[in-house]
Amino acid sequence: MTRTATIAKFMVPVVFAAALVAAFAAHSGTASSMSKQLVVKTANNPTLHQKVLVNRNGLTLYSLSVERRGRFICTGSCLSLWTPLVVAKGTTPTGAPHLGTVKRPDGRTQVSYRGRPVYTFTEDRKQGDVKGNGFKDVGVWRPASPASSGGAGSPTPSPYPGYPGGYGG
């Protein structure tokens, strides 16, 4: 066997092994950029007498009845009252069934429950608060609840009657 043939005989397995390592590294890089993160929990709400979804700090998560299938209503001044629950791009939210993500108009990745984006309400200050329940705008805000597909509780008067149909922006 010539020297060239001998080198080639040993190089083929080395090149093949290097290709496998490179392919595995590329796949692992993709997998590591996709991470799971506990961002939602369920809690029994004493006011509503049922389970609701809450963020890691125990604050109630809400959804707006008319926000679904990628249609966002809460933009602009609405965000002064409702804070989107956002995660880093590539994060899979965990903590309850039916969680997902949607891309907000501003490019951020927002957690969704049963396809509806979820938010906290700025007037909820402590665990168990549901001051945003029944808030009426172009739709109705309800706590996200495993007990129903849209929200929890029965309609209650809006705690903010000064917002009858919009946030002014």
C-alpha atoms as a PDB file:
ATOM      1  CA  MET A   1       0.000   0.000   0.000  1.00  0.00           C
ATOM      2  CA  THR A   2       1.341   3.432  -0.827  1.00  0.00           C
ATOM      3  CA  ARG A   3       1.791   6.093   1.752  1.00  0.00           C
ATOM      4  CA  THR A   4      -1.036   8.169   0.202  1.00  0.00           C
ATOM      5  CA  ALA A   5      -3.401   5.184   0.325  1.00  0.00           C
ATOM      6  CA  THR A   6      -2.488   4.524   3.968  1.00  0.00           C
ATOM      7  CA  ILE A   7      -3.141   8.171   4.961  1.00  0.00           C
ATOM      8  CA  ALA A   8      -6.432   8.170   3.056  1.00  0.00           C
ATOM      9  CA  LYS A   9      -7.476   4.941   4.805  1.00  0.00           C
ATOM     10  CA  PHE A  10      -7.034   6.575   8.228  1.00  0.00           C
ATOM     11  CA  MET A  11      -8.396   9.974   7.220  1.00  0.00           C
ATOM     12  CA  VAL A  12     -11.846   8.746   6.136  1.00  0.00           C
ATOM     13  CA  PRO A  13     -12.860   7.637   9.666  1.00  0.00           C
ATOM     14  CA  VAL A  14     -11.410  10.845  11.159  1.00  0.00           C
ATOM     15  CA  VAL A  15     -13.322  13.059   8.725  1.00  0.00           C
ATOM     16  CA  PHE A  16     -16.492  11.033   9.309  1.00  0.00           C
ATOM     17  CA  ALA A  17     -16.115  11.364  13.098  1.00  0.00           C
ATOM     18  CA  ALA A  18     -15.517  15.106  12.782  1.00  0.00           C
ATOM     19  CA  ALA A  19     -18.670  15.459  10.679  1.00  0.00           C
ATOM     20  CA  LEU A  20     -20.685  13.576  13.307  1.00  0.00           C
ATOM     21  CA  VAL A  21     -19.341  15.791  16.083  1.00  0.00           C
ATOM     22  CA  ALA A  22     -20.159  18.933  14.072  1.00  0.00           C
ATOM     23  CA  ALA A  23     -23.683  17.716  13.333  1.00  0.00           C
ATOM     24  CA  PHE A  24     -24.277  16.865  16.989  1.00  0.00           C
ATOM     25  CA  ALA A  25     -22.946  20.248  18.107  1.00  0.00           C
ATOM     26  CA  ALA A  26     -25.207  22.071  15.661  1.00  0.00           C
ATOM     27  CA  HIS A  27     -28.223  20.070  16.838  1.00  0.00           C
ATOM     28  CA  SER A  28     -27.327  20.604  20.496  1.00  0.00           C
ATOM     29  CA  GLY A  29     -26.987  24.336  19.915  1.00  0.00           C
ATOM     30  CA  THR A  30     -30.512  24.462  18.529  1.00  0.00           C
ATOM     31  CA  ALA A  31     -31.851  22.391  21.385  1.00  0.00           C
ATOM     32  CA  SER A  32     -30.142  24.504  24.022  1.00  0.00           C
ATOM     33  CA  SER A  33     -31.558  27.730  22.565  1.00  0.00           C
ATOM     34  CA  MET A  34     -35.060  26.304  23.081  1.00  0.00           C
ATOM     35  CA  SER A  35     -35.594  26.280  26.825  1.00  0.00           C
ATOM     36  CA  LYS A  36     -38.514  25.470  29.057  1.00  0.00           C
ATOM     37  CA  GLN A  37     -39.287  27.919  31.830  1.00  0.00           C
ATOM     38  CA  LEU A  38     -41.773  27.747  34.709  1.00  0.00           C
ATOM     39  CA  VAL A  39     -43.677  31.023  34.336  1.00  0.00           C
ATOM     40  CA  VAL A  40     -47.242  30.108  35.299  1.00  0.00           C
ATOM     41  CA  LYS A  41     -48.819  28.323  38.249  1.00  0.00           C
ATOM     42  CA  THR A  42     -52.390  27.628  39.306  1.00  0.00           C
ATOM     43  CA  ALA A  43     -53.796  28.904  42.575  1.00  0.00           C
ATOM     44  CA  ASN A  44     -57.128  28.683  44.322  1.00  0.00           C
ATOM     45  CA  ASN A  45     -58.646  32.167  44.298  1.00  0.00           C
ATOM     46  CA  PRO A  46     -60.693  32.862  47.448  1.00  0.00           C
ATOM     47  CA  THR A  47     -62.775  35.606  45.799  1.00  0.00           C
ATOM     48  CA  LEU A  48     -63.750  33.573  42.733  1.00  0.00           C
ATOM     49  CA  HIS A  49     -63.815  30.217  44.571  1.00  0.00           C
ATOM     50  CA  GLN A  50     -61.931  28.507  41.764  1.00  0.00           C
ATOM     51  CA  LYS A  51     -58.451  27.930  40.369  1.00  0.00           C
ATOM     52  CA  VAL A  52     -56.870  30.653  38.263  1.00  0.00           C
ATOM     53  CA  LEU A  53     -53.545  31.019  36.534  1.00  0.00           C
ATOM     54  CA  VAL A  54     -50.974  33.201  38.264  1.00  0.00           C
ATOM     55  CA  ASN A  55     -47.462  34.369  37.432  1.00  0.00           C
ATOM     56  CA  ARG A  56     -44.392  33.358  39.459  1.00  0.00           C
ATOM     57  CA  ASN A  57     -45.172  36.120  41.984  1.00  0.00           C
ATOM     58  CA  GLY A  58     -48.698  34.770  42.497  1.00  0.00           C
ATOM     59  CA  LEU A  59     -50.466  37.624  40.663  1.00  0.00           C
ATOM     60  CA  THR A  60     -53.580  36.744  38.672  1.00  0.00           C
ATOM     61  CA  LEU A  61     -53.213  36.358  34.908  1.00  0.00           C
ATOM     62  CA  TYR A  62     -55.978  37.704  32.695  1.00  0.00           C
ATOM     63  CA  SER A  63     -57.038  37.424  29.075  1.00  0.00           C
ATOM     64  CA  LEU A  64     -59.180  39.754  26.995  1.00  0.00           C
ATOM     65  CA  SER A  65     -62.224  38.093  25.425  1.00  0.00           C
ATOM     66  CA  VAL A  66     -61.590  39.533  21.949  1.00  0.00           C
ATOM     67  CA  GLU A  67     -57.862  38.750  21.771  1.00  0.00           C
ATOM     68  CA  ARG A  68     -57.479  35.441  19.973  1.00  0.00           C
ATOM     69  CA  ARG A  69     -55.945  33.910  16.866  1.00  0.00           C
ATOM     70  CA  GLY A  70     -53.106  36.461  16.838  1.00  0.00           C
ATOM     71  CA  ARG A  71     -55.367  39.524  17.044  1.00  0.00           C
ATOM     72  CA  PHE A  72     -54.008  42.015  19.568  1.00  0.00           C
ATOM     73  CA  ILE A  73     -56.194  44.730  21.049  1.00  0.00           C
ATOM     74  CA  CYS A  74     -54.061  45.623  24.076  1.00  0.00           C
ATOM     75  CA  THR A  75     -51.398  47.876  22.608  1.00  0.00           C
ATOM     76  CA  GLY A  76     -50.530  51.517  23.224  1.00  0.00           C
ATOM     77  CA  SER A  77     -52.106  53.062  26.327  1.00  0.00           C
ATOM     78  CA  CYS A  78     -53.771  49.772  27.279  1.00  0.00           C
ATOM     79  CA  LEU A  79     -50.332  48.632  28.423  1.00  0.00           C
ATOM     80  CA  SER A  80     -50.424  51.226  31.219  1.00  0.00           C
ATOM     81  CA  LEU A  81     -53.024  48.996  32.947  1.00  0.00           C
ATOM     82  CA  TRP A  82     -52.255  45.540  31.599  1.00  0.00           C
ATOM     83  CA  THR A  83     -48.740  44.085  31.623  1.00  0.00           C
ATOM     84  CA  PRO A  84     -48.070  41.297  29.109  1.00  0.00           C
ATOM     85  CA  LEU A  85     -46.418  38.175  30.513  1.00  0.00           C
ATOM     86  CA  VAL A  86     -43.405  37.905  28.202  1.00  0.00           C
ATOM     87  CA  VAL A  87     -40.569  35.421  27.878  1.00  0.00           C
ATOM     88  CA  ALA A  88     -37.354  35.307  25.897  1.00  0.00           C
ATOM     89  CA  LYS A  89     -37.659  34.206  22.283  1.00  0.00           C
ATOM     90  CA  GLY A  90     -37.353  30.434  22.030  1.00  0.00           C
ATOM     91  CA  THR A  91     -38.734  29.815  25.543  1.00  0.00           C
ATOM     92  CA  THR A  92     -41.470  27.256  26.078  1.00  0.00           C
ATOM     93  CA  PRO A  93     -43.595  28.337  29.060  1.00  0.00           C
ATOM     94  CA  THR A  94     -44.534  25.650  31.579  1.00  0.00           C
ATOM     95  CA  GLY A  95     -46.600  25.387  34.745  1.00  0.00           C
ATOM     96  CA  ALA A  96     -50.072  24.642  33.363  1.00  0.00           C
ATOM     97  CA  PRO A  97     -51.556  22.776  30.408  1.00  0.00           C
ATOM     98  CA  HIS A  98     -52.465  24.711  27.229  1.00  0.00           C
ATOM     99  CA  LEU A  99     -49.678  27.292  27.498  1.00  0.00           C
ATOM    100  CA  GLY A 100     -48.035  28.650  24.400  1.00  0.00           C
ATOM    101  CA  THR A 101     -46.560  31.843  23.044  1.00  0.00           C
ATOM    102  CA  VAL A 102     -47.600  34.506  20.551  1.00  0.00           C
ATOM    103  CA  LYS A 103     -45.570  37.258  18.964  1.00  0.00           C
ATOM    104  CA  ARG A 104     -46.711  40.734  20.046  1.00  0.00           C
ATOM    105  CA  PRO A 105     -46.877  43.594  17.539  1.00  0.00           C
ATOM    106  CA  ASP A 106     -43.745  45.060  19.200  1.00  0.00           C
ATOM    107  CA  GLY A 107     -41.853  41.806  18.540  1.00  0.00           C
ATOM    108  CA  ARG A 108     -41.819  40.470  22.112  1.00  0.00           C
ATOM    109  CA  THR A 109     -42.875  36.893  22.852  1.00  0.00           C
ATOM    110  CA  GLN A 110     -45.950  36.769  25.078  1.00  0.00           C
ATOM    111  CA  VAL A 111     -47.252  33.765  26.997  1.00  0.00           C
ATOM    112  CA  SER A 112     -50.694  32.591  25.915  1.00  0.00           C
ATOM    113  CA  TYR A 113     -53.250  30.306  27.512  1.00  0.00           C
ATOM    114  CA  ARG A 114     -55.552  28.399  25.180  1.00  0.00           C
ATOM    115  CA  GLY A 115     -54.379  30.724  22.415  1.00  0.00           C
ATOM    116  CA  ARG A 116     -55.129  33.983  24.252  1.00  0.00           C
ATOM    117  CA  PRO A 117     -52.323  36.289  25.410  1.00  0.00           C
ATOM    118  CA  VAL A 118     -52.148  36.686  29.207  1.00  0.00           C
ATOM    119  CA  TYR A 119     -51.489  39.821  31.263  1.00  0.00           C
ATOM    120  CA  THR A 120     -51.326  41.006  34.849  1.00  0.00           C
ATOM    121  CA  PHE A 121     -53.421  43.977  35.983  1.00  0.00           C
ATOM    122  CA  THR A 122     -51.578  46.925  37.543  1.00  0.00           C
ATOM    123  CA  GLU A 123     -54.177  47.334  40.324  1.00  0.00           C
ATOM    124  CA  ASP A 124     -53.604  43.764  41.552  1.00  0.00           C
ATOM    125  CA  ARG A 125     -50.972  44.265  44.220  1.00  0.00           C
ATOM    126  CA  LYS A 126     -50.998  40.983  46.128  1.00  0.00           C
ATOM    127  CA  GLN A 127     -51.727  37.301  45.650  1.00  0.00           C
ATOM    128  CA  GLY A 128     -55.451  36.652  45.336  1.00  0.00           C
ATOM    129  CA  ASP A 129     -56.338  40.100  43.958  1.00  0.00           C
ATOM    130  CA  VAL A 130     -58.711  39.973  40.977  1.00  0.00           C
ATOM    131  CA  LYS A 131     -59.448  43.668  40.563  1.00  0.00           C
ATOM    132  CA  GLY A 132     -59.280  43.328  36.783  1.00  0.00           C
ATOM    133  CA  ASN A 133     -62.084  40.750  36.656  1.00  0.00           C
ATOM    134  CA  GLY A 134     -64.932  42.096  34.550  1.00  0.00           C
ATOM    135  CA  PHE A 135     -63.020  45.146  33.324  1.00  0.00           C
ATOM    136  CA  LYS A 136     -64.863  46.179  30.174  1.00  0.00           C
ATOM    137  CA  ASP A 137     -63.253  47.700  27.145  1.00  0.00           C
ATOM    138  CA  VAL A 138     -63.692  46.457  23.576  1.00  0.00           C
ATOM    139  CA  GLY A 139     -64.086  43.083  25.272  1.00  0.00           C
ATOM    140  CA  VAL A 140     -64.117  41.825  28.839  1.00  0.00           C
ATOM    141  CA  TRP A 141     -61.047  40.940  30.901  1.00  0.00           C
ATOM    142  CA  ARG A 142     -61.284  37.700  32.883  1.00  0.00           C
ATOM    143  CA  PRO A 143     -58.805  35.714  34.961  1.00  0.00           C
ATOM    144  CA  ALA A 144     -57.394  32.818  32.961  1.00  0.00           C
ATOM    145  CA  SER A 145     -58.783  29.675  34.519  1.00  0.00           C
ATOM    146  CA  PRO A 146     -58.456  25.945  33.912  1.00  0.00           C
ATOM    147  CA  ALA A 147     -62.164  25.724  34.811  1.00  0.00           C
ATOM    148  CA  SER A 148     -63.201  27.433  31.563  1.00  0.00           C
ATOM    149  CA  SER A 149     -61.780  28.073  28.123  1.00  0.00           C
ATOM    150  CA  GLY A 150     -61.769  31.861  28.310  1.00  0.00           C
ATOM    151  CA  GLY A 151     -61.771  33.208  31.817  1.00  0.00           C
ATOM    152  CA  ALA A 152     -63.212  32.841  35.291  1.00  0.00           C
ATOM    153  CA  GLY A 153     -66.082  34.152  37.283  1.00  0.00           C
ATOM    154  CA  SER A 154     -69.340  35.736  36.325  1.00  0.00           C
ATOM    155  CA  PRO A 155     -69.544  39.247  34.922  1.00  0.00           C
ATOM    156  CA  THR A 156     -68.986  41.942  37.472  1.00  0.00           C
ATOM    157  CA  PRO A 157     -69.290  45.685  37.044  1.00  0.00           C
ATOM    158  CA  SER A 158     -66.211  47.323  35.633  1.00  0.00           C
ATOM    159  CA  PRO A 159     -64.095  48.835  38.391  1.00  0.00           C
ATOM    160  CA  TYR A 160     -63.137  51.526  35.875  1.00  0.00           C
ATOM    161  CA  PRO A 161     -66.332  52.910  34.314  1.00  0.00           C
ATOM    162  CA  GLY A 162     -64.258  55.758  32.858  1.00  0.00           C
ATOM    163  CA  TYR A 163     -62.936  53.361  30.212  1.00  0.00           C
ATOM    164  CA  PRO A 164     -66.102  52.572  28.279  1.00  0.00           C
ATOM    165  CA  GLY A 165     -64.724  51.457  24.966  1.00  0.00           C
ATOM    166  CA  GLY A 166     -61.122  52.345  24.724  1.00  0.00           C
ATOM    167  CA  TYR A 167     -57.966  53.495  26.331  1.00  0.00           C
ATOM    168  CA  GLY A 168     -57.650  56.582  24.235  1.00  0.00           C
ATOM    169  CA  GLY A 169     -54.750  55.325  22.197  1.00  0.00           C
END
